[in-house]
Amino acid sequence: MMKYKLPVSIEKINENEYMARSELVRATAEGDTPEEAVENLRVAIEAMIEEFGFDLVFKDIDINTDYRLVEVGN
C-alpha cells in the first residue's frame, strides 16, 4: 500500500471537542483532543479505503505532491 501525507486542519468546536478535516479525501472526524481527532480521522480514512478502495479514495491526489505549512503575517 502506498503512503500519503495529507494536510489536516484542526478546529476547536467547543470546550472539549475538536474536529480534524482533510479536504483532499473529503474526510472529517472529532475527538476530545487535537491528537484524538487526528487519530480518529486516520481511522476514518482507513475505513473509507476498506469500503471504497485505495484508488477511489486517493483519486484526486498525486503521490509526488509535497504539502507544507506556510506562515504569513506578523
Protein backbone atom coordinates (compact mmCIF):
# COMPACT_ATOMS: atom_id res chain seq x y z
CA MET A 1 0.00 0.00 0.00
CA MET A 2 1.26 3.48 -0.84
CA LYS A 3 1.59 6.07 1.90
CA TYR A 4 0.28 9.59 1.51
CA LYS A 5 0.90 12.64 3.67
CA LEU A 6 -2.33 14.60 3.87
CA PRO A 7 -2.83 18.16 5.05
CA VAL A 8 -5.18 18.20 8.03
CA SER A 9 -6.90 21.18 9.62
CA ILE A 10 -7.92 21.02 13.27
CA GLU A 11 -10.70 23.21 14.59
CA LYS A 12 -11.84 23.60 18.18
CA ILE A 13 -15.60 23.01 18.18
CA ASN A 14 -16.27 23.68 21.85
CA GLU A 15 -14.63 23.36 25.29
CA ASN A 16 -13.55 19.72 24.94
CA GLU A 17 -14.16 18.82 21.31
CA TYR A 18 -12.02 19.15 18.20
CA MET A 19 -12.66 18.41 14.53
CA ALA A 20 -9.93 17.21 12.18
CA ARG A 21 -10.56 17.53 8.46
CA SER A 22 -8.70 16.52 5.31
CA GLU A 23 -10.26 18.25 2.34
CA LEU A 24 -8.23 16.21 -0.18
CA VAL A 25 -10.04 13.00 0.72
CA ARG A 26 -13.24 14.67 1.96
CA ALA A 27 -12.97 13.19 5.46
CA THR A 28 -13.75 14.57 8.93
CA ALA A 29 -13.54 13.20 12.48
CA GLU A 30 -13.93 14.51 16.01
CA GLY A 31 -12.11 13.93 19.29
CA ASP A 32 -11.65 15.25 22.82
CA THR A 33 -8.14 16.50 21.96
CA PRO A 34 -6.50 17.57 18.69
CA GLU A 35 -4.44 14.36 18.75
CA GLU A 36 -7.52 12.19 19.25
CA ALA A 37 -9.33 13.97 16.43
CA VAL A 38 -6.38 13.32 14.08
CA GLU A 39 -6.19 9.67 15.12
CA ASN A 40 -9.95 9.29 14.58
CA LEU A 41 -9.51 10.89 11.16
CA ARG A 42 -6.81 8.36 10.28
CA VAL A 43 -9.13 5.53 11.31
CA ALA A 44 -11.98 7.06 9.27
CA ILE A 45 -9.78 7.31 6.18
CA GLU A 46 -8.69 3.70 6.62
CA ALA A 47 -12.37 2.69 6.81
CA MET A 48 -13.03 4.64 3.59
CA ILE A 49 -10.16 2.77 1.90
CA GLU A 50 -11.58 -0.54 3.08
CA GLU A 51 -15.06 0.28 1.77
CA PHE A 52 -14.29 2.16 -1.46
CA GLY A 53 -10.76 1.09 -2.34
CA PHE A 54 -7.46 2.90 -2.24
CA ASP A 55 -7.64 4.20 -5.81
CA LEU A 56 -11.03 5.83 -5.36
CA VAL A 57 -10.24 7.50 -2.02
CA PHE A 58 -6.96 8.95 -3.33
CA LYS A 59 -8.01 9.53 -6.94
CA ASP A 60 -7.51 13.32 -6.75
CA ILE A 61 -4.09 13.19 -5.08
CA ASP A 62 -0.70 12.95 -6.77
CA ILE A 63 1.67 10.91 -4.61
CA ASN A 64 4.53 13.15 -5.78
CA THR A 65 2.95 16.31 -4.34
CA ASP A 66 4.61 17.56 -1.16
CA TYR A 67 2.36 19.57 1.18
CA ARG A 68 3.86 22.12 3.57
CA LEU A 69 2.59 24.69 6.05
CA VAL A 70 3.39 28.31 5.20
CA GLU A 71 3.01 31.05 7.81
CA VAL A 72 2.26 34.54 6.56
CA GLY A 73 1.93 37.76 8.56
CA ASN A 74 3.33 39.20 11.77
